[in-house]
């Protein structure tokens, strides 16, 4: 998709990397929400597992995924014990169906709130 098509779809100037970063951040927030009951001493291991999951979706390494695509505030909030788990409702075995527009909007809204709260 060309730059002009991305800009028209988003209503502003955005790059493909912006969309990729947003998607990675949403996926990381969902993966961390699934691990919301992780005890504080094991949260770094849970972050690593979540990042590996997101990296697999992106087709990238976990190091590049964490450094370049996942908003660090999602990780910081998880380490502080805050996730989007309440917005996901009852946990499904495979997580929310992000292909469904209504579900995607709800999850993305929760991620925006999480990022806003992280200031």
C-alpha atoms as a PDB file:
ATOM      1  CA  UNK A   1       0.000   0.000   0.000  1.00  0.00           C
ATOM      2  CA  UNK A   2       1.366   3.417  -0.896  1.00  0.00           C
ATOM      3  CA  UNK A   3       2.069   6.270   1.503  1.00  0.00           C
ATOM      4  CA  UNK A   4      -0.869   8.236   0.057  1.00  0.00           C
ATOM      5  CA  UNK A   5      -3.274   5.352   0.730  1.00  0.00           C
ATOM      6  CA  UNK A   6      -2.060   5.060   4.337  1.00  0.00           C
ATOM      7  CA  UNK A   7      -2.508   8.796   4.845  1.00  0.00           C
ATOM      8  CA  UNK A   8      -5.995   8.708   3.364  1.00  0.00           C
ATOM      9  CA  UNK A   9      -6.977   5.703   5.487  1.00  0.00           C
ATOM     10  CA  UNK A  10      -5.674   7.286   8.674  1.00  0.00           C
ATOM     11  CA  UNK A  11      -6.754  10.853   7.967  1.00  0.00           C
ATOM     12  CA  UNK A  12      -3.266  12.091   8.803  1.00  0.00           C
ATOM     13  CA  UNK A  13       0.286  11.462   7.746  1.00  0.00           C
ATOM     14  CA  UNK A  14       1.255   8.006   9.007  1.00  0.00           C
ATOM     15  CA  UNK A  15       3.728   5.476   7.771  1.00  0.00           C
ATOM     16  CA  UNK A  16       3.434   1.734   7.503  1.00  0.00           C
ATOM     17  CA  UNK A  17       5.735   1.572  10.553  1.00  0.00           C
ATOM     18  CA  UNK A  18       3.181   3.607  12.540  1.00  0.00           C
ATOM     19  CA  UNK A  19       0.503   1.012  11.792  1.00  0.00           C
ATOM     20  CA  UNK A  20       2.891  -1.831  12.532  1.00  0.00           C
ATOM     21  CA  UNK A  21       3.895  -0.206  15.821  1.00  0.00           C
ATOM     22  CA  UNK A  22       0.285   0.333  16.843  1.00  0.00           C
ATOM     23  CA  UNK A  23      -0.633  -3.261  16.003  1.00  0.00           C
ATOM     24  CA  UNK A  24       2.385  -4.582  17.928  1.00  0.00           C
ATOM     25  CA  UNK A  25       1.459  -2.441  20.929  1.00  0.00           C
ATOM     26  CA  UNK A  26      -2.126  -3.721  20.877  1.00  0.00           C
ATOM     27  CA  UNK A  27      -0.972  -7.324  20.541  1.00  0.00           C
ATOM     28  CA  UNK A  28       1.480  -6.861  23.418  1.00  0.00           C
ATOM     29  CA  UNK A  29      -1.229  -5.326  25.604  1.00  0.00           C
ATOM     30  CA  UNK A  30      -3.496  -8.313  24.908  1.00  0.00           C
ATOM     31  CA  UNK A  31      -0.689 -10.810  25.551  1.00  0.00           C
ATOM     32  CA  UNK A  32       0.212  -9.092  28.823  1.00  0.00           C
ATOM     33  CA  UNK A  33      -3.441  -8.920  29.872  1.00  0.00           C
ATOM     34  CA  UNK A  34      -3.572 -12.696  29.535  1.00  0.00           C
ATOM     35  CA  UNK A  35      -0.726 -12.783  32.057  1.00  0.00           C
ATOM     36  CA  UNK A  36      -2.249 -10.206  34.410  1.00  0.00           C
ATOM     37  CA  UNK A  37      -2.238 -12.578  37.379  1.00  0.00           C
ATOM     38  CA  UNK A  38       1.531 -13.076  37.167  1.00  0.00           C
ATOM     39  CA  UNK A  39       3.225 -12.457  40.533  1.00  0.00           C
ATOM     40  CA  UNK A  40       5.555  -9.421  40.548  1.00  0.00           C
ATOM     41  CA  UNK A  41       8.684 -11.569  40.795  1.00  0.00           C
ATOM     42  CA  UNK A  42       7.804 -13.330  37.513  1.00  0.00           C
ATOM     43  CA  UNK A  43       6.630 -10.365  35.459  1.00  0.00           C
ATOM     44  CA  UNK A  44       9.867  -9.914  33.500  1.00  0.00           C
ATOM     45  CA  UNK A  45       9.595 -13.508  32.323  1.00  0.00           C
ATOM     46  CA  UNK A  46       5.963 -12.859  31.352  1.00  0.00           C
ATOM     47  CA  UNK A  47       7.041  -9.767  29.393  1.00  0.00           C
ATOM     48  CA  UNK A  48       9.615 -11.848  27.512  1.00  0.00           C
ATOM     49  CA  UNK A  49       6.986 -14.443  26.633  1.00  0.00           C
ATOM     50  CA  UNK A  50       4.540 -11.780  25.450  1.00  0.00           C
ATOM     51  CA  UNK A  51       7.201 -10.088  23.325  1.00  0.00           C
ATOM     52  CA  UNK A  52       8.103 -13.431  21.733  1.00  0.00           C
ATOM     53  CA  UNK A  53       4.447 -13.905  20.818  1.00  0.00           C
ATOM     54  CA  UNK A  54       4.224 -10.449  19.234  1.00  0.00           C
ATOM     55  CA  UNK A  55       7.549 -10.926  17.432  1.00  0.00           C
ATOM     56  CA  UNK A  56       6.214 -14.118  15.883  1.00  0.00           C
ATOM     57  CA  UNK A  57       3.223 -12.189  14.502  1.00  0.00           C
ATOM     58  CA  UNK A  58       5.523  -9.498  13.116  1.00  0.00           C
ATOM     59  CA  UNK A  59       8.044 -11.951  11.722  1.00  0.00           C
ATOM     60  CA  UNK A  60      10.782 -10.209  13.650  1.00  0.00           C
ATOM     61  CA  UNK A  61      13.136 -10.940  16.510  1.00  0.00           C
ATOM     62  CA  UNK A  62      11.981 -10.313  20.072  1.00  0.00           C
ATOM     63  CA  UNK A  63      14.769  -7.741  20.555  1.00  0.00           C
ATOM     64  CA  UNK A  64      13.730  -5.684  17.535  1.00  0.00           C
ATOM     65  CA  UNK A  65      10.062  -6.083  18.428  1.00  0.00           C
ATOM     66  CA  UNK A  66      10.549  -4.761  21.955  1.00  0.00           C
ATOM     67  CA  UNK A  67      12.945  -1.980  20.979  1.00  0.00           C
ATOM     68  CA  UNK A  68      11.152  -0.732  17.883  1.00  0.00           C
ATOM     69  CA  UNK A  69       7.505  -1.747  17.867  1.00  0.00           C
ATOM     70  CA  UNK A  70       5.963  -2.169  21.315  1.00  0.00           C
ATOM     71  CA  UNK A  71       5.254   1.018  23.242  1.00  0.00           C
ATOM     72  CA  UNK A  72       7.300   0.670  26.454  1.00  0.00           C
ATOM     73  CA  UNK A  73       4.476   2.161  28.524  1.00  0.00           C
ATOM     74  CA  UNK A  74       2.476  -1.053  28.021  1.00  0.00           C
ATOM     75  CA  UNK A  75       5.327  -3.006  29.593  1.00  0.00           C
ATOM     76  CA  UNK A  76       5.810  -0.456  32.381  1.00  0.00           C
ATOM     77  CA  UNK A  77       2.110  -0.562  33.243  1.00  0.00           C
ATOM     78  CA  UNK A  78       2.159  -4.384  33.270  1.00  0.00           C
ATOM     79  CA  UNK A  79       5.119  -4.374  35.651  1.00  0.00           C
ATOM     80  CA  UNK A  80       3.104  -2.012  37.870  1.00  0.00           C
ATOM     81  CA  UNK A  81       0.217  -4.495  37.803  1.00  0.00           C
ATOM     82  CA  UNK A  82      -2.025  -2.635  35.345  1.00  0.00           C
ATOM     83  CA  UNK A  83      -3.294  -4.216  32.109  1.00  0.00           C
ATOM     84  CA  UNK A  84      -6.278  -4.057  29.781  1.00  0.00           C
ATOM     85  CA  UNK A  85      -7.611  -7.329  31.235  1.00  0.00           C
ATOM     86  CA  UNK A  86     -10.815  -5.698  32.583  1.00  0.00           C
ATOM     87  CA  UNK A  87     -11.704  -4.527  29.072  1.00  0.00           C
ATOM     88  CA  UNK A  88     -11.281  -8.025  27.684  1.00  0.00           C
ATOM     89  CA  UNK A  89     -13.911  -9.555  29.940  1.00  0.00           C
ATOM     90  CA  UNK A  90     -13.697 -13.269  30.533  1.00  0.00           C
ATOM     91  CA  UNK A  91     -10.452 -14.635  29.179  1.00  0.00           C
ATOM     92  CA  UNK A  92     -10.792 -16.698  26.036  1.00  0.00           C
ATOM     93  CA  UNK A  93      -8.233 -19.383  25.352  1.00  0.00           C
ATOM     94  CA  UNK A  94      -7.056 -17.634  22.186  1.00  0.00           C
ATOM     95  CA  UNK A  95      -7.679 -14.057  23.324  1.00  0.00           C
ATOM     96  CA  UNK A  96     -10.078 -11.587  21.734  1.00  0.00           C
ATOM     97  CA  UNK A  97     -10.925 -11.877  18.040  1.00  0.00           C
ATOM     98  CA  UNK A  98      -9.236  -8.691  16.818  1.00  0.00           C
ATOM     99  CA  UNK A  99     -10.533  -9.320  13.295  1.00  0.00           C
ATOM    100  CA  UNK A 100     -14.008  -8.338  14.509  1.00  0.00           C
ATOM    101  CA  UNK A 101     -14.293  -4.529  14.233  1.00  0.00           C
ATOM    102  CA  UNK A 102     -16.331  -4.070  17.418  1.00  0.00           C
ATOM    103  CA  UNK A 103     -13.876  -6.152  19.452  1.00  0.00           C
ATOM    104  CA  UNK A 104     -10.885  -4.412  17.867  1.00  0.00           C
ATOM    105  CA  UNK A 105     -12.327  -0.962  18.724  1.00  0.00           C
ATOM    106  CA  UNK A 106     -12.953  -1.994  22.347  1.00  0.00           C
ATOM    107  CA  UNK A 107      -9.443  -3.384  22.756  1.00  0.00           C
ATOM    108  CA  UNK A 108      -7.781  -0.425  21.030  1.00  0.00           C
ATOM    109  CA  UNK A 109      -9.753   1.983  23.196  1.00  0.00           C
ATOM    110  CA  UNK A 110      -8.538   0.145  26.307  1.00  0.00           C
ATOM    111  CA  UNK A 111      -4.945   0.366  25.054  1.00  0.00           C
ATOM    112  CA  UNK A 112      -5.333   4.113  24.457  1.00  0.00           C
ATOM    113  CA  UNK A 113      -6.667   4.514  27.998  1.00  0.00           C
ATOM    114  CA  UNK A 114      -3.748   2.466  29.342  1.00  0.00           C
ATOM    115  CA  UNK A 115      -1.266   4.666  27.485  1.00  0.00           C
ATOM    116  CA  UNK A 116      -3.028   7.879  28.574  1.00  0.00           C
ATOM    117  CA  UNK A 117      -2.933   6.737  32.206  1.00  0.00           C
ATOM    118  CA  UNK A 118       0.791   6.021  31.849  1.00  0.00           C
ATOM    119  CA  UNK A 119       1.258   9.672  30.942  1.00  0.00           C
END
